[in-house]
Amino acid sequence: MSKWQPIETAPRGGTRVLVWLPDFNEVKVAWYSTSTSLWPSDEEYNEDGEGCNVGLPTHWVPLPEPPKGITNA
């Protein structure tokens, strides 16, 4: 797995990554929204169906590759 990098170096414009949220002591999958300058996630949605902001991440890593040889059931 890649090393954690400062959030300022994270990809922009919808690429999903793992982010570290020190205020909650947890990791979440999120992406940077260029329209809101926030980090939404697929885990929760608002009443408009948009991903809710996860907070203020400080670090990120790319998502790992999925397992090889696994197919959808």
N, C-alpha and C. Protein backbone atom coordinates (compact mmCIF):
# COMPACT_ATOMS: atom_id res chain seq x y z
N MET A 1 0.85 -1.18 0.00
CA MET A 1 0.00 0.00 0.00
C MET A 1 0.89 1.25 0.00
N SER A 2 0.41 2.29 -0.61
CA SER A 2 1.15 3.54 -0.69
C SER A 2 1.25 4.20 0.68
N LYS A 3 2.20 5.12 0.79
CA LYS A 3 2.35 5.87 2.04
C LYS A 3 1.37 7.04 2.07
N TRP A 4 0.95 7.41 3.27
CA TRP A 4 0.06 8.55 3.45
C TRP A 4 0.77 9.82 2.97
N GLN A 5 0.02 10.65 2.27
CA GLN A 5 0.55 11.89 1.72
C GLN A 5 -0.27 13.07 2.23
N PRO A 6 0.30 14.27 2.28
CA PRO A 6 -0.46 15.45 2.71
C PRO A 6 -1.68 15.67 1.81
N ILE A 7 -2.78 16.07 2.39
CA ILE A 7 -4.03 16.24 1.65
C ILE A 7 -3.90 17.25 0.50
N GLU A 8 -2.98 18.19 0.62
CA GLU A 8 -2.78 19.18 -0.44
C GLU A 8 -2.31 18.56 -1.75
N THR A 9 -1.78 17.33 -1.68
CA THR A 9 -1.29 16.66 -2.88
C THR A 9 -2.31 15.69 -3.47
N ALA A 10 -3.49 15.59 -2.87
CA ALA A 10 -4.52 14.63 -3.33
C ALA A 10 -5.06 15.02 -4.70
N PRO A 11 -5.50 14.02 -5.48
CA PRO A 11 -6.10 14.31 -6.78
C PRO A 11 -7.40 15.10 -6.61
N ARG A 12 -7.72 15.89 -7.59
CA ARG A 12 -8.93 16.72 -7.57
C ARG A 12 -9.91 16.24 -8.64
N GLY A 13 -11.17 16.60 -8.46
CA GLY A 13 -12.14 16.36 -9.51
C GLY A 13 -12.78 15.00 -9.55
N GLY A 14 -12.95 14.35 -8.40
CA GLY A 14 -13.77 13.14 -8.36
C GLY A 14 -13.05 11.82 -8.17
N THR A 15 -11.74 11.80 -8.12
CA THR A 15 -11.01 10.55 -7.89
C THR A 15 -11.18 10.13 -6.44
N ARG A 16 -11.75 8.95 -6.23
CA ARG A 16 -11.95 8.46 -4.87
C ARG A 16 -10.63 7.97 -4.28
N VAL A 17 -10.37 8.38 -3.03
CA VAL A 17 -9.16 8.01 -2.30
C VAL A 17 -9.53 7.73 -0.85
N LEU A 18 -8.61 7.12 -0.11
CA LEU A 18 -8.79 6.99 1.33
C LEU A 18 -8.26 8.26 1.98
N VAL A 19 -9.03 8.83 2.90
CA VAL A 19 -8.61 10.03 3.60
C VAL A 19 -8.57 9.78 5.10
N TRP A 20 -7.61 10.40 5.76
CA TRP A 20 -7.47 10.32 7.22
C TRP A 20 -8.15 11.53 7.84
N LEU A 21 -9.07 11.26 8.80
CA LEU A 21 -9.82 12.30 9.49
C LEU A 21 -9.42 12.30 10.97
N PRO A 22 -8.45 13.14 11.35
CA PRO A 22 -7.96 13.11 12.72
C PRO A 22 -9.00 13.51 13.76
N ASP A 23 -9.97 14.35 13.39
CA ASP A 23 -11.01 14.76 14.35
C ASP A 23 -11.87 13.58 14.78
N PHE A 24 -11.97 12.55 13.92
CA PHE A 24 -12.80 11.38 14.22
C PHE A 24 -11.94 10.12 14.41
N ASN A 25 -10.62 10.26 14.22
CA ASN A 25 -9.71 9.13 14.33
C ASN A 25 -10.14 7.97 13.43
N GLU A 26 -10.44 8.29 12.15
CA GLU A 26 -10.88 7.25 11.23
C GLU A 26 -10.48 7.55 9.79
N VAL A 27 -10.61 6.51 8.98
CA VAL A 27 -10.32 6.57 7.55
C VAL A 27 -11.64 6.39 6.80
N LYS A 28 -11.84 7.17 5.73
CA LYS A 28 -13.03 7.04 4.89
C LYS A 28 -12.64 7.15 3.43
N VAL A 29 -13.49 6.61 2.57
CA VAL A 29 -13.35 6.82 1.13
C VAL A 29 -14.06 8.11 0.80
N ALA A 30 -13.37 9.01 0.11
CA ALA A 30 -13.95 10.31 -0.24
C ALA A 30 -13.29 10.81 -1.52
N TRP A 31 -13.81 11.89 -2.04
CA TRP A 31 -13.22 12.56 -3.21
C TRP A 31 -13.33 14.06 -3.01
N TYR A 32 -12.46 14.81 -3.66
CA TYR A 32 -12.49 16.26 -3.56
C TYR A 32 -13.45 16.81 -4.60
N SER A 33 -14.40 17.61 -4.15
CA SER A 33 -15.36 18.24 -5.05
C SER A 33 -14.85 19.63 -5.43
N THR A 34 -14.56 19.83 -6.70
CA THR A 34 -14.09 21.14 -7.14
C THR A 34 -15.20 22.18 -7.09
N SER A 35 -16.47 21.74 -7.11
CA SER A 35 -17.57 22.71 -7.07
C SER A 35 -17.85 23.22 -5.65
N THR A 36 -17.55 22.40 -4.62
CA THR A 36 -17.82 22.82 -3.25
C THR A 36 -16.55 23.02 -2.41
N SER A 37 -15.42 22.54 -2.91
CA SER A 37 -14.15 22.55 -2.17
C SER A 37 -14.25 21.74 -0.87
N LEU A 38 -15.09 20.70 -0.87
CA LEU A 38 -15.27 19.81 0.27
C LEU A 38 -14.92 18.39 -0.13
N TRP A 39 -14.91 17.50 0.85
CA TRP A 39 -14.61 16.08 0.65
C TRP A 39 -15.85 15.23 0.91
N PRO A 40 -16.73 15.01 -0.10
CA PRO A 40 -17.90 14.15 0.11
C PRO A 40 -17.53 12.67 0.07
N SER A 41 -18.48 11.86 0.54
CA SER A 41 -18.32 10.42 0.59
C SER A 41 -19.60 9.75 0.11
N ASP A 42 -19.48 8.49 -0.32
CA ASP A 42 -20.66 7.71 -0.72
C ASP A 42 -21.39 7.11 0.47
N GLU A 43 -20.84 7.23 1.67
CA GLU A 43 -21.42 6.58 2.83
C GLU A 43 -22.70 7.25 3.31
N GLU A 44 -22.82 8.55 3.12
CA GLU A 44 -24.00 9.30 3.56
C GLU A 44 -24.39 10.31 2.49
N TYR A 45 -25.69 10.53 2.35
CA TYR A 45 -26.19 11.48 1.36
C TYR A 45 -27.12 12.49 2.02
N ASN A 46 -27.15 13.70 1.47
CA ASN A 46 -28.10 14.70 1.96
C ASN A 46 -29.43 14.55 1.23
N GLU A 47 -30.39 15.42 1.54
CA GLU A 47 -31.73 15.31 0.95
C GLU A 47 -31.74 15.54 -0.57
N ASP A 48 -30.66 16.13 -1.11
CA ASP A 48 -30.55 16.34 -2.57
C ASP A 48 -29.84 15.18 -3.25
N GLY A 49 -29.48 14.14 -2.50
CA GLY A 49 -28.80 12.99 -3.07
C GLY A 49 -27.32 13.19 -3.30
N GLU A 50 -26.73 14.22 -2.69
CA GLU A 50 -25.31 14.49 -2.83
C GLU A 50 -24.56 13.88 -1.64
N GLY A 51 -23.34 13.45 -1.89
CA GLY A 51 -22.52 12.90 -0.82
C GLY A 51 -22.23 13.94 0.25
N CYS A 52 -22.34 13.53 1.51
CA CYS A 52 -22.09 14.44 2.63
C CYS A 52 -20.59 14.61 2.85
N ASN A 53 -20.19 15.80 3.26
CA ASN A 53 -18.81 16.10 3.56
C ASN A 53 -18.33 15.25 4.73
N VAL A 54 -17.12 14.68 4.61
CA VAL A 54 -16.60 13.81 5.67
C VAL A 54 -15.89 14.58 6.77
N GLY A 55 -15.56 15.83 6.54
CA GLY A 55 -14.82 16.61 7.53
C GLY A 55 -13.58 17.20 6.89
N LEU A 56 -12.54 17.37 7.71
CA LEU A 56 -11.30 17.99 7.24
C LEU A 56 -10.17 16.97 7.25
N PRO A 57 -10.00 16.24 6.15
CA PRO A 57 -8.91 15.27 6.11
C PRO A 57 -7.56 15.96 6.08
N THR A 58 -6.56 15.29 6.63
CA THR A 58 -5.20 15.83 6.62
C THR A 58 -4.26 15.05 5.71
N HIS A 59 -4.62 13.79 5.41
CA HIS A 59 -3.76 12.93 4.59
C HIS A 59 -4.62 12.03 3.70
N TRP A 60 -3.98 11.47 2.67
CA TRP A 60 -4.69 10.59 1.74
C TRP A 60 -3.74 9.52 1.21
N VAL A 61 -4.33 8.43 0.72
CA VAL A 61 -3.63 7.39 -0.04
C VAL A 61 -4.57 6.90 -1.14
N PRO A 62 -4.02 6.41 -2.26
CA PRO A 62 -4.89 5.85 -3.30
C PRO A 62 -5.62 4.62 -2.78
N LEU A 63 -6.77 4.33 -3.36
CA LEU A 63 -7.48 3.10 -3.03
C LEU A 63 -6.65 1.91 -3.51
N PRO A 64 -6.65 0.81 -2.78
CA PRO A 64 -5.91 -0.37 -3.25
C PRO A 64 -6.61 -1.00 -4.45
N GLU A 65 -5.87 -1.80 -5.20
CA GLU A 65 -6.44 -2.54 -6.31
C GLU A 65 -7.39 -3.60 -5.76
N PRO A 66 -8.47 -3.90 -6.48
CA PRO A 66 -9.37 -4.96 -6.02
C PRO A 66 -8.67 -6.34 -6.13
N PRO A 67 -9.17 -7.34 -5.41
CA PRO A 67 -8.57 -8.67 -5.48
C PRO A 67 -8.61 -9.23 -6.91
N LYS A 68 -7.59 -9.96 -7.28
CA LYS A 68 -7.54 -10.59 -8.60
C LYS A 68 -8.35 -11.87 -8.58
N GLY A 69 -9.00 -12.18 -9.69
CA GLY A 69 -9.71 -13.44 -9.83
C GLY A 69 -11.08 -13.47 -9.17
N ILE A 70 -11.56 -12.34 -8.68
CA ILE A 70 -12.88 -12.27 -8.05
C ILE A 70 -13.87 -11.70 -9.07
N THR A 71 -15.02 -12.35 -9.21
CA THR A 71 -16.05 -11.85 -10.13
C THR A 71 -17.29 -11.48 -9.33
N ASN A 72 -18.10 -10.59 -9.89
CA ASN A 72 -19.37 -10.21 -9.24
C ASN A 72 -20.35 -11.37 -9.32
N ALA A 73 -21.06 -11.58 -8.24
CA ALA A 73 -22.06 -12.66 -8.20
C ALA A 73 -23.37 -12.17 -8.77
